[in-house]
Protein backbone atom coordinates (compact mmCIF):
# COMPACT_ATOMS: atom_id res chain seq x y z
CA MET A 1 13.76 84.20 14.41
CA THR A 2 15.95 81.26 13.23
CA LYS A 3 15.19 78.61 10.95
CA ASP A 4 14.85 76.33 13.66
CA GLU A 5 12.68 78.11 15.65
CA ALA A 6 10.43 78.89 12.10
CA LEU A 7 10.17 74.96 11.27
CA LYS A 8 9.28 74.33 14.90
CA THR A 9 5.99 76.73 14.40
CA LEU A 10 5.80 75.78 10.89
CA GLU A 11 5.22 72.37 12.42
CA GLN A 12 2.78 73.04 14.83
CA LYS A 13 0.81 74.70 12.41
CA ARG A 14 0.64 71.90 10.21
CA ALA A 15 -0.17 69.72 12.62
CA ASP A 16 -3.23 72.13 14.36
CA TYR A 17 -3.91 72.36 10.55
CA GLU A 18 -3.98 68.39 9.93
CA ALA A 19 -5.72 67.70 13.10
CA GLY A 20 -8.61 70.18 12.14
CA ARG A 21 -9.15 68.38 8.71
CA LYS A 22 -9.18 65.41 10.09
CA ARG A 23 -12.31 66.74 12.65
CA LEU A 24 -13.82 68.03 9.56
CA VAL A 25 -13.23 64.75 7.49
CA GLN A 26 -15.12 62.86 10.42
CA ILE A 27 -18.00 65.13 10.43
CA THR A 28 -18.17 64.93 6.67
CA ASP A 29 -18.26 61.09 6.89
CA ARG A 30 -20.69 60.99 9.97
CA ILE A 31 -23.26 63.16 7.50
CA ASP A 32 -22.35 60.74 4.88
CA ARG A 33 -23.13 57.71 6.54
CA GLN A 34 -26.45 59.23 7.88
CA LYS A 35 -27.51 60.56 4.41
CA ARG A 36 -27.07 56.93 3.21
CA SER A 37 -29.49 55.71 6.01
CA VAL A 38 -32.07 57.94 4.50
CA LEU A 39 -31.25 57.17 1.36
CA THR A 40 -31.81 53.17 2.44
CA LEU A 41 -34.96 53.87 4.26
CA ASP A 42 -36.30 55.79 1.53
CA GLN A 43 -36.40 53.27 -0.65
CA ASP A 44 -38.03 51.16 2.10
CA ILE A 45 -40.24 53.20 2.57
CA LYS A 46 -41.57 53.02 -1.32
CA ALA A 47 -41.34 49.61 -1.39
CA LEU A 48 -43.64 48.81 1.87
CA ASP A 49 -46.16 51.39 0.66
CA LYS A 50 -46.54 49.39 -2.94
CA GLN A 51 -46.54 45.87 -0.62
CA TRP A 52 -49.28 47.42 1.56
CA ARG A 53 -51.42 48.22 -0.73
CA ASP A 54 -50.75 45.38 -3.82
CA GLU A 55 -51.57 43.50 -0.27
CA LEU A 56 -54.77 45.10 0.05
CA ARG A 57 -56.27 45.22 -3.06
CA LYS A 58 -54.71 41.30 -3.10
CA LYS A 59 -57.58 40.66 -0.43
CA ASP A 60 -60.24 42.84 -1.93
CA GLY A 61 -59.96 46.11 0.30
CA VAL A 62 -59.92 43.81 3.55
CA VAL A 63 -57.20 45.02 5.96
CA SER A 64 -55.60 42.05 7.20
CA ASP A 65 -52.76 41.55 9.69
CA SER A 66 -50.09 41.40 6.74
CA VAL A 67 -51.44 44.28 5.55
CA ARG A 68 -51.55 46.27 9.52
CA THR A 69 -47.85 44.91 9.36
CA LEU A 70 -46.79 46.31 6.35
CA GLN A 71 -48.55 49.87 7.20
CA ALA A 72 -46.76 49.89 10.62
CA GLN A 73 -42.94 48.69 8.94
CA LYS A 74 -43.59 51.70 6.52
CA SER A 75 -44.60 54.18 9.53
CA GLN A 76 -41.54 53.13 11.49
CA SER A 77 -39.21 53.69 8.76
CA GLU A 78 -40.85 56.98 8.03
CA GLU A 79 -40.58 58.41 11.50
CA ALA A 80 -36.51 56.83 11.47
CA ALA A 81 -35.79 58.81 8.15
CA THR A 82 -37.19 61.50 10.09
CA GLU A 83 -35.17 61.71 12.96
CA ILE A 84 -31.91 60.96 10.99
CA ASP A 85 -33.10 64.21 8.89
CA THR A 86 -33.08 65.72 12.03
CA MET A 87 -29.66 64.40 13.04
CA ILE A 88 -28.04 65.79 9.57
CA GLN A 89 -29.10 69.18 10.23
CA GLU A 90 -27.81 68.90 13.87
CA VAL A 91 -24.47 67.70 12.18
CA GLU A 92 -24.46 70.14 9.69
CA LEU A 93 -24.18 72.65 11.94
CA HIS A 94 -21.21 71.57 13.40
CA LEU A 95 -20.02 71.14 9.75
CA GLU A 96 -20.13 74.51 9.13
CA ASP A 97 -18.32 75.90 12.70
CA ALA A 98 -15.64 72.75 11.08
CA CYS A 99 -14.86 74.19 7.94
CA LYS A 100 -14.48 77.95 9.62
CA GLU A 101 -11.93 76.15 12.14
CA VAL A 102 -9.95 74.59 9.57
CA LYS A 103 -10.22 77.95 7.24
CA ALA A 104 -8.19 79.51 10.08
CA LEU A 105 -6.43 76.84 10.61
CA ARG A 106 -4.97 76.92 6.98
CA SER A 107 -4.63 80.71 6.78
CA GLN A 108 -2.09 79.95 10.13
CA TYR A 109 -0.48 77.39 8.61
CA LEU A 110 0.34 79.37 5.16
CA SER A 111 1.49 82.10 7.16
CA ALA A 112 4.07 80.09 8.92
CA LEU A 113 4.71 78.25 5.64
CA SER A 114 5.65 81.65 3.85
CA GLN A 115 8.22 82.58 7.34
CA ALA A 116 9.72 79.92 7.46
CA ARG A 117 10.75 79.15 3.73
CA ILE A 118 11.87 83.16 3.85
CA ILE A 119 13.89 82.08 7.03
CA THR A 120 15.62 78.74 5.83
CA GLU A 121 15.73 80.58 2.30
CA LYS A 122 17.85 83.61 3.67
CA GLU A 123 19.79 80.95 6.25
CA ASN A 124 20.86 78.61 3.59
CA MET A 125 21.69 81.09 1.11
CA GLY A 126 24.21 82.84 3.87
CA ALA A 127 25.67 80.46 4.60
CA LEU A 128 26.55 79.10 1.02
CA ILE A 129 27.30 83.00 0.17
CA GLU A 130 30.41 82.71 2.91
CA GLN A 131 31.24 79.55 1.57
CA SER A 132 31.76 80.43 -1.85
CA LYS A 133 33.72 83.39 -0.76
CA ALA A 134 36.71 80.87 -0.41
CA TYR A 135 36.43 79.95 -3.78
CA PRO A 136 39.06 81.89 -6.14
CA GLY A 137 37.27 83.10 -9.14
CA THR A 138 34.26 84.30 -6.76
CA PRO A 139 35.19 87.71 -6.26
CA ASP A 140 35.70 88.48 -10.00
CA LEU A 141 31.77 87.13 -9.78
CA LEU A 142 31.14 89.59 -7.66
CA SER A 143 32.28 92.15 -9.06
CA ALA A 144 30.70 91.49 -11.94
CA ILE A 145 27.41 91.29 -10.48
CA LYS A 146 27.71 94.29 -9.06
CA ASP A 147 28.74 96.33 -12.20
CA SER A 148 25.66 94.77 -13.82
CA LEU A 149 23.41 95.75 -11.06
CA ALA A 150 25.15 99.54 -11.26
CA ILE A 151 24.45 99.58 -15.00
CA ALA A 152 21.05 98.64 -14.57
CA GLU A 153 20.55 101.35 -11.91
CA GLN A 154 22.06 103.91 -14.48
CA SER A 155 19.81 102.64 -16.74
CA ALA A 156 16.61 103.08 -14.79
CA PHE A 157 17.72 106.45 -13.93
CA ASP A 158 18.35 107.17 -17.86
CA PHE A 159 14.71 106.26 -18.27
CA LEU A 160 12.79 107.96 -16.44
CA SER A 161 15.20 111.21 -16.97
CA THR A 162 13.51 110.94 -20.40
CA VAL A 163 9.50 111.26 -18.97
CA HIS A 164 10.85 113.62 -16.20
CA PRO A 165 13.19 116.19 -15.26
CA THR A 166 16.00 115.10 -13.12
CA GLY A 167 15.50 117.45 -10.28
CA TRP A 168 11.58 115.44 -10.01
CA ILE A 169 13.39 112.08 -9.88
CA THR A 170 16.14 113.19 -7.54
CA HIS A 171 14.12 115.75 -4.82
CA ARG A 172 10.47 114.98 -4.96
CA ASP A 173 9.39 112.07 -2.55
CA GLU A 174 7.34 110.74 -5.50
CA GLY A 175 9.69 111.11 -7.79
CA LYS A 176 12.39 109.07 -5.22
CA ARG A 177 9.75 106.04 -5.03
CA GLU A 178 9.03 106.33 -8.80
CA LEU A 179 12.71 105.76 -9.26
CA ALA A 180 13.53 103.39 -6.61
CA GLU A 181 10.84 100.55 -7.63
CA ALA A 182 12.33 101.28 -11.24
CA VAL A 183 15.80 100.65 -10.12
CA HIS A 184 14.55 97.30 -7.65
CA ALA A 185 12.58 96.14 -10.98
CA ALA A 186 15.46 96.67 -13.47
CA GLN A 187 18.27 94.79 -11.07
CA ALA A 188 16.14 92.14 -10.81
CA LYS A 189 15.43 91.45 -13.87
CA ARG A 190 19.27 91.67 -15.04
CA LEU A 191 19.70 89.09 -11.40
CA LEU A 192 17.13 86.47 -12.99
CA GLU A 193 19.09 87.12 -16.33
CA ILE A 194 22.46 86.32 -14.29
CA PHE A 195 20.90 83.16 -12.55
CA LYS A 196 19.32 81.58 -15.66
CA THR A 197 23.24 81.32 -17.05
CA LEU A 198 24.00 79.58 -13.95
CA THR A 199 20.83 76.95 -13.61
CA ASP A 200 18.19 75.90 -15.84
CA ILE A 201 15.34 77.63 -13.99
CA ASP A 202 12.83 77.46 -16.74
CA GLN A 203 12.70 73.87 -15.67
CA GLY A 204 11.53 73.72 -12.27
CA HIS A 205 13.01 73.03 -8.74
CA GLU A 206 11.25 71.29 -5.68
CA LEU A 207 12.03 72.54 -2.63
CA ALA A 208 14.54 70.18 -0.98
CA SER A 209 12.55 69.83 2.31
CA GLU A 210 9.13 67.89 2.20
CA LYS A 211 8.37 70.29 5.33
CA LEU A 212 8.53 73.51 3.11
CA THR A 213 5.72 72.21 0.57
CA VAL A 214 2.85 73.13 0.87
CA LEU A 215 -0.73 70.85 1.85
CA GLN A 216 -3.34 70.71 -0.98
CA PRO A 217 -6.99 71.66 0.96
CA ILE A 218 -8.91 68.69 0.71
CA SER A 219 -12.34 68.58 -1.03
CA ALA A 220 -14.28 68.39 2.34
CA GLU A 221 -12.68 72.48 3.37
CA THR A 222 -14.77 73.85 0.38
CA PRO A 223 -18.41 71.93 0.84
CA PRO A 224 -21.02 72.36 -1.40
CA SER A 225 -23.14 75.53 -0.51
CA ASP A 226 -26.54 73.38 -0.93
CA GLN A 227 -25.13 70.53 1.38
CA GLY A 228 -27.25 72.12 3.86
CA ILE A 229 -30.77 71.53 1.74
CA HIS A 230 -30.69 67.95 1.91
CA SER A 231 -32.35 66.93 5.17
CA ALA A 232 -34.94 70.19 4.65
CA PHE A 233 -36.17 68.79 0.87
CA THR A 234 -36.20 65.29 2.09
CA SER A 235 -38.06 65.91 5.27
CA VAL A 236 -40.79 67.81 3.52
CA MET A 237 -41.14 65.52 0.75
CA ARG A 238 -41.42 62.49 3.12
CA ILE A 239 -44.38 64.38 4.87
CA SER A 240 -45.87 65.15 1.61
CA ARG A 241 -46.28 61.54 1.17
């Protein structure tokens, strides 16, 4: 896969992920609106309950038209709140599916991002290395780096020779693997040391391409585990009144 192909794939996966997040936010916003409606109705219900009781006492127990009106309004508000609670439970089923979808889309996006980063880095670095070969001091620098890597390899071999017999390192599969891992670690450490002399790597570095910067997850992607408890709880509380 070329860099352009990798970036095109990344662009598509990022768009899919962002679209999934948008759908998720629409669902969470819908649930929030419905819950706010229930909260408002609950406040109205409490107020109406107090009003009709106060009115009944004021009329000395006579069930007047105003008492009946207040009772009817309370009953209608309770019915509306219960229905909205049912709606919330229905929408929350879609929320669970949307969260799973976004999780899968994010995984695909991160995989495409990782691949695009690797391919882009290799192509860019390869082009720069080819250009640098024309510079007068480059052959000497590369030769010195090769010497450093060779010394790191020999140092790793020498160290393992003090721990294991030479034959075990060079002829046994397990020994060969341990030697290869030790050489890789030693050479990587030495290359990092060399690179630090060329650039201030400890100061951190921002990726040149915004496309290769990871999108951070939004809060809606990790909803609280008790989100679905609200509907059942408020319904039980309303019925018990």
